[in-house]
């Protein structure tokens, strides 16, 4: 009985490995090597921490990429250097690492009329 269980576990492991290899081959067909040159503009991927609002919205509509940053220099191996850090003077974070956006100007106003009330809609930049 023990030998049967060992054989079943081995067969299951083999099938899982085959399925993983098949999925990897599907993914590798779509994967491509990215190469960037000096002067190219790139977006940075943002991985927000759970429960924190950093860039705009929380949850499903949150930003996944920020900025449009220019590549200044191509390095073989990254060595941490303070000269590589871009400072944002206009960003201020709260103690819980949240970010409050300040409106620049109101670009458009519109009144939406419902049955019993009117709603003022404002587009803010």
PDB file of N, CA and C in Angstrom:
ATOM      1  N   UNK A   1       0.814  -1.197   0.000  1.00  0.00           N
ATOM      2  CA  UNK A   1       0.000   0.000   0.000  1.00  0.00           C
ATOM      3  C   UNK A   1       0.863   1.267   0.000  1.00  0.00           C
ATOM      4  N   UNK A   2       1.935   1.218   0.796  1.00  0.00           N
ATOM      5  CA  UNK A   2       2.830   2.372   0.860  1.00  0.00           C
ATOM      6  C   UNK A   2       3.497   2.591  -0.500  1.00  0.00           C
ATOM      7  N   UNK A   3       3.911   1.493  -1.136  1.00  0.00           N
ATOM      8  CA  UNK A   3       4.552   1.605  -2.449  1.00  0.00           C
ATOM      9  C   UNK A   3       3.590   2.193  -3.483  1.00  0.00           C
ATOM     10  N   UNK A   4       2.301   1.828  -3.417  1.00  0.00           N
ATOM     11  CA  UNK A   4       1.299   2.379  -4.335  1.00  0.00           C
ATOM     12  C   UNK A   4       1.181   3.898  -4.149  1.00  0.00           C
ATOM     13  N   UNK A   5       1.152   4.335  -2.890  1.00  0.00           N
ATOM     14  CA  UNK A   5       1.076   5.773  -2.610  1.00  0.00           C
ATOM     15  C   UNK A   5       2.303   6.512  -3.128  1.00  0.00           C
ATOM     16  N   UNK A   6       3.461   5.911  -2.972  1.00  0.00           N
ATOM     17  CA  UNK A   6       4.696   6.525  -3.465  1.00  0.00           C
ATOM     18  C   UNK A   6       4.641   6.646  -4.984  1.00  0.00           C
ATOM     19  N   UNK A   7       4.145   5.599  -5.650  1.00  0.00           N
ATOM     20  CA  UNK A   7       4.027   5.644  -7.115  1.00  0.00           C
ATOM     21  C   UNK A   7       3.034   6.710  -7.567  1.00  0.00           C
ATOM     22  N   UNK A   8       1.915   6.824  -6.848  1.00  0.00           N
ATOM     23  CA  UNK A   8       0.906   7.829  -7.192  1.00  0.00           C
ATOM     24  C   UNK A   8       1.481   9.237  -7.013  1.00  0.00           C
ATOM     25  N   UNK A   9       2.191   9.464  -5.929  1.00  0.00           N
ATOM     26  CA  UNK A   9       2.800  10.781  -5.677  1.00  0.00           C
ATOM     27  C   UNK A   9       3.827  11.099  -6.760  1.00  0.00           C
ATOM     28  N   UNK A  10       4.611  10.108  -7.155  1.00  0.00           N
ATOM     29  CA  UNK A  10       5.609  10.323  -8.210  1.00  0.00           C
ATOM     30  C   UNK A  10       4.924  10.667  -9.533  1.00  0.00           C
ATOM     31  N   UNK A  11       3.812   9.977  -9.835  1.00  0.00           N
ATOM     32  CA  UNK A  11       3.080  10.259 -11.073  1.00  0.00           C
ATOM     33  C   UNK A  11       2.477  11.661 -11.048  1.00  0.00           C
ATOM     34  N   UNK A  12       1.921  12.054  -9.905  1.00  0.00           N
ATOM     35  CA  UNK A  12       1.360  13.397  -9.763  1.00  0.00           C
ATOM     36  C   UNK A  12       2.450  14.448  -9.934  1.00  0.00           C
ATOM     37  N   UNK A  13       3.602  14.235  -9.308  1.00  0.00           N
ATOM     38  CA  UNK A  13       4.722  15.179  -9.437  1.00  0.00           C
ATOM     39  C   UNK A  13       5.167  15.298 -10.895  1.00  0.00           C
ATOM     40  N   UNK A  14       5.208  14.178 -11.598  1.00  0.00           N
ATOM     41  CA  UNK A  14       5.602  14.180 -13.007  1.00  0.00           C
ATOM     42  C   UNK A  14       4.612  14.990 -13.839  1.00  0.00           C
ATOM     43  N   UNK A  15       3.315  14.809 -13.593  1.00  0.00           N
ATOM     44  CA  UNK A  15       2.295  15.534 -14.351  1.00  0.00           C
ATOM     45  C   UNK A  15       2.340  17.035 -14.052  1.00  0.00           C
ATOM     46  N   UNK A  16       2.584  17.382 -12.793  1.00  0.00           N
ATOM     47  CA  UNK A  16       2.704  18.803 -12.437  1.00  0.00           C
ATOM     48  C   UNK A  16       3.896  19.424 -13.152  1.00  0.00           C
ATOM     49  N   UNK A  17       5.016  18.704 -13.178  1.00  0.00           N
ATOM     50  CA  UNK A  17       6.218  19.202 -13.868  1.00  0.00           C
ATOM     51  C   UNK A  17       5.949  19.391 -15.358  1.00  0.00           C
ATOM     52  N   UNK A  18       5.235  18.434 -15.977  1.00  0.00           N
ATOM     53  CA  UNK A  18       4.901  18.555 -17.397  1.00  0.00           C
ATOM     54  C   UNK A  18       4.020  19.778 -17.644  1.00  0.00           C
ATOM     55  N   UNK A  19       3.032  20.002 -16.776  1.00  0.00           N
ATOM     56  CA  UNK A  19       2.139  21.153 -16.934  1.00  0.00           C
ATOM     57  C   UNK A  19       2.912  22.460 -16.775  1.00  0.00           C
ATOM     58  N   UNK A  20       3.842  22.510 -15.815  1.00  0.00           N
ATOM     59  CA  UNK A  20       4.643  23.712 -15.618  1.00  0.00           C
ATOM     60  C   UNK A  20       5.525  23.983 -16.843  1.00  0.00           C
ATOM     61  N   UNK A  21       6.120  22.933 -17.389  1.00  0.00           N
ATOM     62  CA  UNK A  21       6.959  23.098 -18.579  1.00  0.00           C
ATOM     63  C   UNK A  21       6.136  23.588 -19.769  1.00  0.00           C
ATOM     64  N   UNK A  22       4.915  23.060 -19.916  1.00  0.00           N
ATOM     65  CA  UNK A  22       4.048  23.475 -21.012  1.00  0.00           C
ATOM     66  C   UNK A  22       3.679  24.951 -20.866  1.00  0.00           C
ATOM     67  N   UNK A  23       3.310  25.366 -19.653  1.00  0.00           N
ATOM     68  CA  UNK A  23       2.957  26.770 -19.423  1.00  0.00           C
ATOM     69  C   UNK A  23       4.164  27.674 -19.658  1.00  0.00           C
ATOM     70  N   UNK A  24       5.357  27.216 -19.261  1.00  0.00           N
ATOM     71  CA  UNK A  24       6.566  28.007 -19.482  1.00  0.00           C
ATOM     72  C   UNK A  24       6.833  28.190 -20.965  1.00  0.00           C
ATOM     73  N   UNK A  25       6.601  27.149 -21.753  1.00  0.00           N
ATOM     74  CA  UNK A  25       6.830  27.278 -23.199  1.00  0.00           C
ATOM     75  C   UNK A  25       5.849  28.270 -23.812  1.00  0.00           C
ATOM     76  N   UNK A  26       4.596  28.308 -23.329  1.00  0.00           N
ATOM     77  CA  UNK A  26       3.627  29.287 -23.824  1.00  0.00           C
ATOM     78  C   UNK A  26       4.083  30.710 -23.485  1.00  0.00           C
ATOM     79  N   UNK A  27       4.585  30.890 -22.280  1.00  0.00           N
ATOM     80  CA  UNK A  27       5.020  32.213 -21.842  1.00  0.00           C
ATOM     81  C   UNK A  27       6.276  32.656 -22.592  1.00  0.00           C
ATOM     82  N   UNK A  28       7.204  31.732 -22.804  1.00  0.00           N
ATOM     83  CA  UNK A  28       8.458  32.084 -23.461  1.00  0.00           C
ATOM     84  C   UNK A  28       8.253  32.528 -24.910  1.00  0.00           C
ATOM     85  N   UNK A  29       7.181  32.060 -25.556  1.00  0.00           N
ATOM     86  CA  UNK A  29       6.909  32.492 -26.929  1.00  0.00           C
ATOM     87  C   UNK A  29       6.589  33.981 -26.982  1.00  0.00           C
ATOM     88  N   UNK A  30       5.951  34.502 -25.947  1.00  0.00           N
ATOM     89  CA  UNK A  30       5.564  35.917 -25.908  1.00  0.00           C
ATOM     90  C   UNK A  30       6.629  36.807 -25.279  1.00  0.00           C
ATOM     91  N   UNK A  31       7.556  36.230 -24.566  1.00  0.00           N
ATOM     92  CA  UNK A  31       8.577  37.000 -23.862  1.00  0.00           C
ATOM     93  C   UNK A  31       9.617  37.516 -24.847  1.00  0.00           C
ATOM     94  N   UNK A  32      10.090  38.732 -24.594  1.00  0.00           N
ATOM     95  CA  UNK A  32      11.129  39.296 -25.448  1.00  0.00           C
ATOM     96  C   UNK A  32      12.142  40.014 -24.581  1.00  0.00           C
ATOM     97  N   UNK A  33      13.348  40.040 -25.050  1.00  0.00           N
ATOM     98  CA  UNK A  33      14.409  40.738 -24.330  1.00  0.00           C
ATOM     99  C   UNK A  33      14.263  42.232 -24.551  1.00  0.00           C
ATOM    100  N   UNK A  34      14.292  43.000 -23.497  1.00  0.00           N
ATOM    101  CA  UNK A  34      14.220  44.449 -23.602  1.00  0.00           C
ATOM    102  C   UNK A  34      15.625  45.029 -23.523  1.00  0.00           C
ATOM    103  N   UNK A  35      15.947  45.861 -24.467  1.00  0.00           N
ATOM    104  CA  UNK A  35      17.223  46.562 -24.425  1.00  0.00           C
ATOM    105  C   UNK A  35      16.934  48.049 -24.561  1.00  0.00           C
ATOM    106  N   UNK A  36      17.591  48.831 -23.745  1.00  0.00           N
ATOM    107  CA  UNK A  36      17.386  50.265 -23.736  1.00  0.00           C
ATOM    108  C   UNK A  36      18.695  50.962 -24.050  1.00  0.00           C
ATOM    109  N   UNK A  37      18.589  52.092 -24.694  1.00  0.00           N
ATOM    110  CA  UNK A  37      19.758  52.895 -25.027  1.00  0.00           C
ATOM    111  C   UNK A  37      19.676  54.222 -24.279  1.00  0.00           C
ATOM    112  N   UNK A  38      20.803  54.896 -24.183  1.00  0.00           N
ATOM    113  CA  UNK A  38      20.851  56.207 -23.549  1.00  0.00           C
ATOM    114  C   UNK A  38      19.963  57.159 -24.339  1.00  0.00           C
ATOM    115  N   UNK A  39      19.107  57.889 -23.623  1.00  0.00           N
ATOM    116  CA  UNK A  39      18.191  58.811 -24.276  1.00  0.00           C
ATOM    117  C   UNK A  39      16.789  58.263 -24.435  1.00  0.00           C
ATOM    118  N   UNK A  40      16.626  56.929 -24.305  1.00  0.00           N
ATOM    119  CA  UNK A  40      15.286  56.346 -24.369  1.00  0.00           C
ATOM    120  C   UNK A  40      14.480  56.805 -23.166  1.00  0.00           C
ATOM    121  N   UNK A  41      13.178  56.865 -23.342  1.00  0.00           N
ATOM    122  CA  UNK A  41      12.297  57.242 -22.245  1.00  0.00           C
ATOM    123  C   UNK A  41      11.556  55.991 -21.801  1.00  0.00           C
ATOM    124  N   UNK A  42      11.492  55.785 -20.476  1.00  0.00           N
ATOM    125  CA  UNK A  42      10.892  54.572 -19.927  1.00  0.00           C
ATOM    126  C   UNK A  42       9.946  54.916 -18.776  1.00  0.00           C
ATOM    127  N   UNK A  43       9.011  54.016 -18.516  1.00  0.00           N
ATOM    128  CA  UNK A  43       8.148  54.093 -17.355  1.00  0.00           C
ATOM    129  C   UNK A  43       8.735  53.209 -16.265  1.00  0.00           C
ATOM    130  N   UNK A  44       8.517  53.571 -15.007  1.00  0.00           N
ATOM    131  CA  UNK A  44       8.959  52.744 -13.891  1.00  0.00           C
ATOM    132  C   UNK A  44       7.765  52.008 -13.312  1.00  0.00           C
ATOM    133  N   UNK A  45       7.936  50.735 -13.051  1.00  0.00           N
ATOM    134  CA  UNK A  45       6.874  49.929 -12.484  1.00  0.00           C
ATOM    135  C   UNK A  45       6.747  50.244 -10.998  1.00  0.00           C
ATOM    136  N   UNK A  46       5.513  50.457 -10.555  1.00  0.00           N
ATOM    137  CA  UNK A  46       5.245  50.775  -9.163  1.00  0.00           C
ATOM    138  C   UNK A  46       4.610  49.552  -8.531  1.00  0.00           C
ATOM    139  N   UNK A  47       5.165  49.093  -7.434  1.00  0.00           N
ATOM    140  CA  UNK A  47       4.527  47.999  -6.711  1.00  0.00           C
ATOM    141  C   UNK A  47       4.094  48.531  -5.354  1.00  0.00           C
ATOM    142  N   UNK A  48       2.850  48.980  -5.272  1.00  0.00           N
ATOM    143  CA  UNK A  48       2.384  49.596  -4.035  1.00  0.00           C
ATOM    144  C   UNK A  48       2.228  48.582  -2.918  1.00  0.00           C
ATOM    145  N   UNK A  49       2.458  49.052  -1.711  1.00  0.00           N
ATOM    146  CA  UNK A  49       2.288  48.198  -0.552  1.00  0.00           C
ATOM    147  C   UNK A  49       0.810  48.116  -0.221  1.00  0.00           C
ATOM    148  N   UNK A  50       0.394  47.000   0.313  1.00  0.00           N
ATOM    149  CA  UNK A  50      -1.021  46.784   0.585  1.00  0.00           C
ATOM    150  C   UNK A  50      -1.529  47.807   1.597  1.00  0.00           C
ATOM    151  N   UNK A  51      -2.652  48.420   1.281  1.00  0.00           N
ATOM    152  CA  UNK A  51      -3.290  49.346   2.205  1.00  0.00           C
ATOM    153  C   UNK A  51      -2.779  50.769   2.146  1.00  0.00           C
ATOM    154  N   UNK A  52      -1.820  51.058   1.270  1.00  0.00           N
ATOM    155  CA  UNK A  52      -1.280  52.411   1.185  1.00  0.00           C
ATOM    156  C   UNK A  52      -1.672  53.046  -0.134  1.00  0.00           C
ATOM    157  N   UNK A  53      -2.046  54.304  -0.063  1.00  0.00           N
ATOM    158  CA  UNK A  53      -2.373  55.041  -1.277  1.00  0.00           C
ATOM    159  C   UNK A  53      -1.176  55.921  -1.588  1.00  0.00           C
ATOM    160  N   UNK A  54      -0.423  55.588  -2.624  1.00  0.00           N
ATOM    161  CA  UNK A  54       0.761  56.382  -2.953  1.00  0.00           C
ATOM    162  C   UNK A  54       0.532  57.240  -4.174  1.00  0.00           C
ATOM    163  N   UNK A  55       0.131  56.656  -5.260  1.00  0.00           N
ATOM    164  CA  UNK A  55      -0.021  57.389  -6.501  1.00  0.00           C
ATOM    165  C   UNK A  55      -1.481  57.301  -6.935  1.00  0.00           C
ATOM    166  N   UNK A  56      -2.200  58.353  -6.743  1.00  0.00           N
ATOM    167  CA  UNK A  56      -3.582  58.516  -7.171  1.00  0.00           C
ATOM    168  C   UNK A  56      -4.554  57.629  -6.403  1.00  0.00           C
ATOM    169  N   UNK A  57      -4.916  56.478  -6.923  1.00  0.00           N
ATOM    170  CA  UNK A  57      -6.035  55.704  -6.409  1.00  0.00           C
ATOM    171  C   UNK A  57      -5.582  54.426  -5.728  1.00  0.00           C
ATOM    172  N   UNK A  58      -6.516  53.846  -4.988  1.00  0.00           N
ATOM    173  CA  UNK A  58      -6.272  52.589  -4.299  1.00  0.00           C
ATOM    174  C   UNK A  58      -6.987  51.470  -5.048  1.00  0.00           C
ATOM    175  N   UNK A  59      -6.425  50.289  -5.036  1.00  0.00           N
ATOM    176  CA  UNK A  59      -7.119  49.121  -5.545  1.00  0.00           C
ATOM    177  C   UNK A  59      -7.003  48.933  -7.042  1.00  0.00           C
ATOM    178  N   UNK A  60      -8.120  48.620  -7.654  1.00  0.00           N
ATOM    179  CA  UNK A  60      -8.143  48.198  -9.043  1.00  0.00           C
ATOM    180  C   UNK A  60      -7.648  49.270 -10.015  1.00  0.00           C
ATOM    181  N   UNK A  61      -7.932  50.534  -9.718  1.00  0.00           N
ATOM    182  CA  UNK A  61      -7.588  51.609 -10.643  1.00  0.00           C
ATOM    183  C   UNK A  61      -6.252  52.279 -10.335  1.00  0.00           C
ATOM    184  N   UNK A  62      -5.462  51.693  -9.438  1.00  0.00           N
ATOM    185  CA  UNK A  62      -4.195  52.324  -9.072  1.00  0.00           C
ATOM    186  C   UNK A  62      -3.225  52.280 -10.248  1.00  0.00           C
ATOM    187  N   UNK A  63      -2.278  53.203 -10.231  1.00  0.00           N
ATOM    188  CA  UNK A  63      -1.269  53.238 -11.286  1.00  0.00           C
ATOM    189  C   UNK A  63      -0.319  52.060 -11.134  1.00  0.00           C
ATOM    190  N   UNK A  64       0.054  51.479 -12.232  1.00  0.00           N
ATOM    191  CA  UNK A  64       1.031  50.403 -12.208  1.00  0.00           C
ATOM    192  C   UNK A  64       2.399  50.886 -12.673  1.00  0.00           C
ATOM    193  N   UNK A  65       2.423  52.010 -13.389  1.00  0.00           N
ATOM    194  CA  UNK A  65       3.662  52.589 -13.875  1.00  0.00           C
ATOM    195  C   UNK A  65       3.617  54.093 -13.634  1.00  0.00           C
ATOM    196  N   UNK A  66       4.782  54.704 -13.387  1.00  0.00           N
ATOM    197  CA  UNK A  66       4.830  56.148 -13.179  1.00  0.00           C
ATOM    198  C   UNK A  66       5.862  56.767 -14.104  1.00  0.00           C
ATOM    199  N   UNK A  67       5.656  58.058 -14.309  1.00  0.00           N
ATOM    200  CA  UNK A  67       6.642  58.895 -14.976  1.00  0.00           C
ATOM    201  C   UNK A  67       6.842  58.610 -16.443  1.00  0.00           C
ATOM    202  N   UNK A  68       7.744  59.314 -16.987  1.00  0.00           N
ATOM    203  CA  UNK A  68       8.360  59.056 -18.278  1.00  0.00           C
ATOM    204  C   UNK A  68       9.782  59.545 -18.044  1.00  0.00           C
ATOM    205  N   UNK A  69      10.653  58.629 -17.700  1.00  0.00           N
ATOM    206  CA  UNK A  69      11.999  58.965 -17.289  1.00  0.00           C
ATOM    207  C   UNK A  69      12.980  58.684 -18.420  1.00  0.00           C
ATOM    208  N   UNK A  70      13.965  59.560 -18.566  1.00  0.00           N
ATOM    209  CA  UNK A  70      14.973  59.399 -19.600  1.00  0.00           C
ATOM    210  C   UNK A  70      16.159  58.628 -19.039  1.00  0.00           C
ATOM    211  N   UNK A  71      16.682  57.698 -19.819  1.00  0.00           N
ATOM    212  CA  UNK A  71      17.872  56.953 -19.418  1.00  0.00           C
ATOM    213  C   UNK A  71      19.076  57.847 -19.644  1.00  0.00           C
ATOM    214  N   UNK A  72      19.784  58.139 -18.566  1.00  0.00           N
ATOM    215  CA  UNK A  72      20.914  59.059 -18.632  1.00  0.00           C
ATOM    216  C   UNK A  72      22.228  58.352 -18.954  1.00  0.00           C
ATOM    217  N   UNK A  73      22.363  57.134 -18.439  1.00  0.00           N
ATOM    218  CA  UNK A  73      23.651  56.455 -18.572  1.00  0.00           C
ATOM    219  C   UNK A  73      23.407  54.963 -18.527  1.00  0.00           C
ATOM    220  N   UNK A  74      24.166  54.213 -19.304  1.00  0.00           N
ATOM    221  CA  UNK A  74      24.040  52.765 -19.336  1.00  0.00           C
ATOM    222  C   UNK A  74      25.165  52.156 -18.508  1.00  0.00           C
ATOM    223  N   UNK A  75      24.805  51.330 -17.542  1.00  0.00           N
ATOM    224  CA  UNK A  75      25.782  50.713 -16.656  1.00  0.00           C
ATOM    225  C   UNK A  75      25.779  49.205 -16.850  1.00  0.00           C
ATOM    226  N   UNK A  76      26.918  48.584 -16.694  1.00  0.00           N
ATOM    227  CA  UNK A  76      26.972  47.126 -16.782  1.00  0.00           C
ATOM    228  C   UNK A  76      26.363  46.502 -15.534  1.00  0.00           C
ATOM    229  N   UNK A  77      26.779  46.960 -14.378  1.00  0.00           N
ATOM    230  CA  UNK A  77      26.257  46.456 -13.116  1.00  0.00           C
ATOM    231  C   UNK A  77      25.886  47.676 -12.295  1.00  0.00           C
ATOM    232  N   UNK A  78      24.723  47.636 -11.689  1.00  0.00           N
ATOM    233  CA  UNK A  78      24.278  48.810 -10.950  1.00  0.00           C
ATOM    234  C   UNK A  78      25.014  48.915  -9.624  1.00  0.00           C
ATOM    235  N   UNK A  79      25.584  50.076  -9.390  1.00  0.00           N
ATOM    236  CA  UNK A  79      26.226  50.388  -8.120  1.00  0.00           C
ATOM    237  C   UNK A  79      25.476  51.577  -7.543  1.00  0.00           C
ATOM    238  N   UNK A  80      25.002  51.438  -6.316  1.00  0.00           N
ATOM    239  CA  UNK A  80      24.203  52.498  -5.715  1.00  0.00           C
ATOM    240  C   UNK A  80      25.027  53.769  -5.571  1.00  0.00           C
ATOM    241  N   UNK A  81      24.493  54.848  -6.087  1.00  0.00           N
ATOM    242  CA  UNK A  81      25.164  56.132  -6.035  1.00  0.00           C
ATOM    243  C   UNK A  81      24.100  57.195  -5.831  1.00  0.00           C
ATOM    244  N   UNK A  82      24.360  58.142  -4.942  1.00  0.00           N
ATOM    245  CA  UNK A  82      23.377  59.190  -4.668  1.00  0.00           C
ATOM    246  C   UNK A  82      23.124  60.083  -5.874  1.00  0.00           C
ATOM    247  N   UNK A  83      24.068  60.135  -6.809  1.00  0.00           N
ATOM    248  CA  UNK A  83      23.868  60.937  -8.019  1.00  0.00           C
ATOM    249  C   UNK A  83      22.794  60.346  -8.929  1.00  0.00           C
ATOM    250  N   UNK A  84      22.477  59.047  -8.772  1.00  0.00           N
ATOM    251  CA  UNK A  84      21.466  58.403  -9.593  1.00  0.00           C
ATOM    252  C   UNK A  84      20.058  58.671  -9.081  1.00  0.00           C
ATOM    253  N   UNK A  85      19.927  59.163  -7.877  1.00  0.00           N
ATOM    254  CA  UNK A  85      18.614  59.376  -7.280  1.00  0.00           C
ATOM    255  C   UNK A  85      18.028  60.684  -7.785  1.00  0.00           C
ATOM    256  N   UNK A  86      16.813  60.602  -8.300  1.00  0.00           N
ATOM    257  CA  UNK A  86      16.119  61.797  -8.778  1.00  0.00           C
ATOM    258  C   UNK A  86      15.252  62.306  -7.643  1.00  0.00           C
ATOM    259  N   UNK A  87      15.409  63.546  -7.294  1.00  0.00           N
ATOM    260  CA  UNK A  87      14.615  64.089  -6.191  1.00  0.00           C
ATOM    261  C   UNK A  87      13.397  64.818  -6.739  1.00  0.00           C
ATOM    262  N   UNK A  88      12.300  64.634  -6.072  1.00  0.00           N
ATOM    263  CA  UNK A  88      11.068  65.332  -6.405  1.00  0.00           C
ATOM    264  C   UNK A  88      10.799  66.325  -5.292  1.00  0.00           C
ATOM    265  N   UNK A  89      10.979  67.590  -5.583  1.00  0.00           N
ATOM    266  CA  UNK A  89      10.785  68.609  -4.564  1.00  0.00           C
ATOM    267  C   UNK A  89       9.309  68.813  -4.240  1.00  0.00           C
ATOM    268  N   UNK A  90       8.439  68.593  -5.242  1.00  0.00           N
ATOM    269  CA  UNK A  90       7.036  68.884  -5.026  1.00  0.00           C
ATOM    270  C   UNK A  90       6.264  67.730  -4.390  1.00  0.00           C
ATOM    271  N   UNK A  91       6.883  66.569  -4.179  1.00  0.00           N
ATOM    272  CA  UNK A  91       6.203  65.449  -3.538  1.00  0.00           C
ATOM    273  C   UNK A  91       6.442  65.479  -2.035  1.00  0.00           C
ATOM    274  N   UNK A  92       5.368  65.419  -1.275  1.00  0.00           N
ATOM    275  CA  UNK A  92       5.484  65.301   0.177  1.00  0.00           C
ATOM    276  C   UNK A  92       4.631  64.126   0.621  1.00  0.00           C
ATOM    277  N   UNK A  93       5.230  63.262   1.414  1.00  0.00           N
ATOM    278  CA  UNK A  93       4.534  62.080   1.891  1.00  0.00           C
ATOM    279  C   UNK A  93       4.118  62.268   3.336  1.00  0.00           C
ATOM    280  N   UNK A  94       2.980  61.706   3.677  1.00  0.00           N
ATOM    281  CA  UNK A  94       2.485  61.745   5.046  1.00  0.00           C
ATOM    282  C   UNK A  94       3.201  60.674   5.859  1.00  0.00           C
ATOM    283  N   UNK A  95       3.042  60.684   7.184  1.00  0.00           N
ATOM    284  CA  UNK A  95       3.733  59.670   8.005  1.00  0.00           C
ATOM    285  C   UNK A  95       3.380  58.230   7.632  1.00  0.00           C
ATOM    286  N   UNK A  96       2.165  57.996   7.119  1.00  0.00           N
ATOM    287  CA  UNK A  96       1.793  56.640   6.721  1.00  0.00           C
ATOM    288  C   UNK A  96       2.175  56.356   5.265  1.00  0.00           C
ATOM    289  N   UNK A  97       3.057  57.192   4.697  1.00  0.00           N
ATOM    290  CA  UNK A  97       3.549  57.098   3.325  1.00  0.00           C
ATOM    291  C   UNK A  97       2.465  57.335   2.286  1.00  0.00           C
ATOM    292  N   UNK A  98       1.377  57.960   2.677  1.00  0.00           N
ATOM    293  CA  UNK A  98       0.343  58.343   1.724  1.00  0.00           C
ATOM    294  C   UNK A  98       0.753  59.614   1.002  1.00  0.00           C
ATOM    295  N   UNK A  99       0.090  59.890  -0.101  1.00  0.00           N
ATOM    296  CA  UNK A  99       0.433  61.047  -0.912  1.00  0.00           C
ATOM    297  C   UNK A  99      -0.845  61.802  -1.223  1.00  0.00           C
ATOM    298  N   UNK A 100      -0.857  63.096  -0.929  1.00  0.00           N
ATOM    299  CA  UNK A 100      -2.016  63.929  -1.191  1.00  0.00           C
ATOM    300  C   UNK A 100      -1.720  64.793  -2.409  1.00  0.00           C
ATOM    301  N   UNK A 101      -2.552  64.656  -3.430  1.00  0.00           N
ATOM    302  CA  UNK A 101      -2.360  65.463  -4.628  1.00  0.00           C
ATOM    303  C   UNK A 101      -3.025  66.813  -4.445  1.00  0.00           C
ATOM    304  N   UNK A 102      -2.363  67.843  -4.938  1.00  0.00           N
ATOM    305  CA  UNK A 102      -2.923  69.186  -4.867  1.00  0.00           C
ATOM    306  C   UNK A 102      -3.357  69.595  -6.268  1.00  0.00           C
ATOM    307  N   UNK A 103      -4.597  70.076  -6.425  1.00  0.00           N
ATOM    308  CA  UNK A 103      -5.061  70.455  -7.757  1.00  0.00           C
ATOM    309  C   UNK A 103      -4.310  71.666  -8.296  1.00  0.00           C
ATOM    310  N   UNK A 104      -4.052  71.653  -9.595  1.00  0.00           N
ATOM    311  CA  UNK A 104      -3.361  72.762 -10.245  1.00  0.00           C
ATOM    312  C   UNK A 104      -4.367  73.824 -10.670  1.00  0.00           C
ATOM    313  N   UNK A 105      -5.389  73.399 -11.420  1.00  0.00           N
ATOM    314  CA  UNK A 105      -6.428  74.332 -11.845  1.00  0.00           C
ATOM    315  C   UNK A 105      -7.677  73.561 -12.251  1.00  0.00           C
ATOM    316  N   UNK A 106      -8.781  74.259 -12.353  1.00  0.00           N
ATOM    317  CA  UNK A 106     -10.035  73.665 -12.795  1.00  0.00           C
ATOM    318  C   UNK A 106     -10.149  73.923 -14.288  1.00  0.00           C
ATOM    319  N   UNK A 107     -10.237  72.848 -15.078  1.00  0.00           N
ATOM    320  CA  UNK A 107     -10.239  73.018 -16.527  1.00  0.00           C
ATOM    321  C   UNK A 107     -11.638  73.024 -17.134  1.00  0.00           C
ATOM    322  N   UNK A 108     -12.619  72.412 -16.458  1.00  0.00           N
ATOM    323  CA  UNK A 108     -13.953  72.350 -17.042  1.00  0.00           C
ATOM    324  C   UNK A 108     -14.985  72.171 -15.940  1.00  0.00           C
ATOM    325  N   UNK A 109     -16.169  72.745 -16.155  1.00  0.00           N
ATOM    326  CA  UNK A 109     -17.294  72.588 -15.233  1.00  0.00           C
ATOM    327  C   UNK A 109     -18.503  72.148 -16.027  1.00  0.00           C
ATOM    328  N   UNK A 110     -19.328  71.326 -15.380  1.00  0.00           N
ATOM    329  CA  UNK A 110     -20.517  70.842 -16.054  1.00  0.00           C
ATOM    330  C   UNK A 110     -21.562  70.527 -14.993  1.00  0.00           C
ATOM    331  N   UNK A 111     -22.804  70.824 -15.278  1.00  0.00           N
ATOM    332  CA  UNK A 111     -23.889  70.503 -14.350  1.00  0.00           C
ATOM    333  C   UNK A 111     -24.670  69.341 -14.931  1.00  0.00           C
ATOM    334  N   UNK A 112     -24.720  68.250 -14.166  1.00  0.00           N
ATOM    335  CA  UNK A 112     -25.484  67.088 -14.593  1.00  0.00           C
ATOM    336  C   UNK A 112     -26.843  67.136 -13.906  1.00  0.00           C
ATOM    337  N   UNK A 113     -27.887  67.101 -14.712  1.00  0.00           N
ATOM    338  CA  UNK A 113     -29.253  67.221 -14.189  1.00  0.00           C
ATOM    339  C   UNK A 113     -29.845  65.831 -14.056  1.00  0.00           C
ATOM    340  N   UNK A 114     -30.249  65.503 -12.824  1.00  0.00           N
ATOM    341  CA  UNK A 114     -30.965  64.265 -12.558  1.00  0.00           C
ATOM    342  C   UNK A 114     -32.443  64.601 -12.383  1.00  0.00           C
ATOM    343  N   UNK A 115     -33.244  63.666 -11.975  1.00  0.00           N
ATOM    344  CA  UNK A 115     -34.675  63.929 -11.831  1.00  0.00           C
ATOM    345  C   UNK A 115     -34.960  65.012 -10.796  1.00  0.00           C
ATOM    346  N   UNK A 116     -34.374  64.849  -9.610  1.00  0.00           N
ATOM    347  CA  UNK A 116     -34.713  65.749  -8.516  1.00  0.00           C
ATOM    348  C   UNK A 116     -33.593  66.692  -8.108  1.00  0.00           C
ATOM    349  N   UNK A 117     -32.426  66.533  -8.677  1.00  0.00           N
ATOM    350  CA  UNK A 117     -31.321  67.394  -8.236  1.00  0.00           C
ATOM    351  C   UNK A 117     -30.321  67.618  -9.364  1.00  0.00           C
ATOM    352  N   UNK A 118     -29.461  68.569  -9.137  1.00  0.00           N
ATOM    353  CA  UNK A 118     -28.398  68.885 -10.079  1.00  0.00           C
ATOM    354  C   UNK A 118     -27.053  68.642  -9.407  1.00  0.00           C
ATOM    355  N   UNK A 119     -26.133  68.051 -10.158  1.00  0.00           N
ATOM    356  CA  UNK A 119     -24.804  67.745  -9.623  1.00  0.00           C
ATOM    357  C   UNK A 119     -23.774  68.541 -10.401  1.00  0.00           C
ATOM    358  N   UNK A 120     -22.962  69.318  -9.695  1.00  0.00           N
ATOM    359  CA  UNK A 120     -21.899  70.074 -10.321  1.00  0.00           C
ATOM    360  C   UNK A 120     -20.702  69.152 -10.499  1.00  0.00           C
ATOM    361  N   UNK A 121     -20.253  68.985 -11.740  1.00  0.00           N
ATOM    362  CA  UNK A 121     -19.086  68.142 -12.023  1.00  0.00           C
ATOM    363  C   UNK A 121     -17.946  69.059 -12.435  1.00  0.00           C
ATOM    364  N   UNK A 122     -16.781  68.845 -11.854  1.00  0.00           N
ATOM    365  CA  UNK A 122     -15.628  69.700 -12.087  1.00  0.00           C
ATOM    366  C   UNK A 122     -14.462  68.818 -12.538  1.00  0.00           C
ATOM    367  N   UNK A 123     -13.785  69.228 -13.613  1.00  0.00           N
ATOM    368  CA  UNK A 123     -12.583  68.534 -14.073  1.00  0.00           C
ATOM    369  C   UNK A 123     -11.375  69.301 -13.561  1.00  0.00           C
ATOM    370  N   UNK A 124     -10.562  68.624 -12.741  1.00  0.00           N
ATOM    371  CA  UNK A 124      -9.420  69.263 -12.098  1.00  0.00           C
ATOM    372  C   UNK A 124      -8.128  68.691 -12.677  1.00  0.00           C
ATOM    373  N   UNK A 125      -7.201  69.584 -12.998  1.00  0.00           N
ATOM    374  CA  UNK A 125      -5.883  69.139 -13.472  1.00  0.00           C
ATOM    375  C   UNK A 125      -4.956  69.067 -12.274  1.00  0.00           C
TER     376      UNK A 125
END
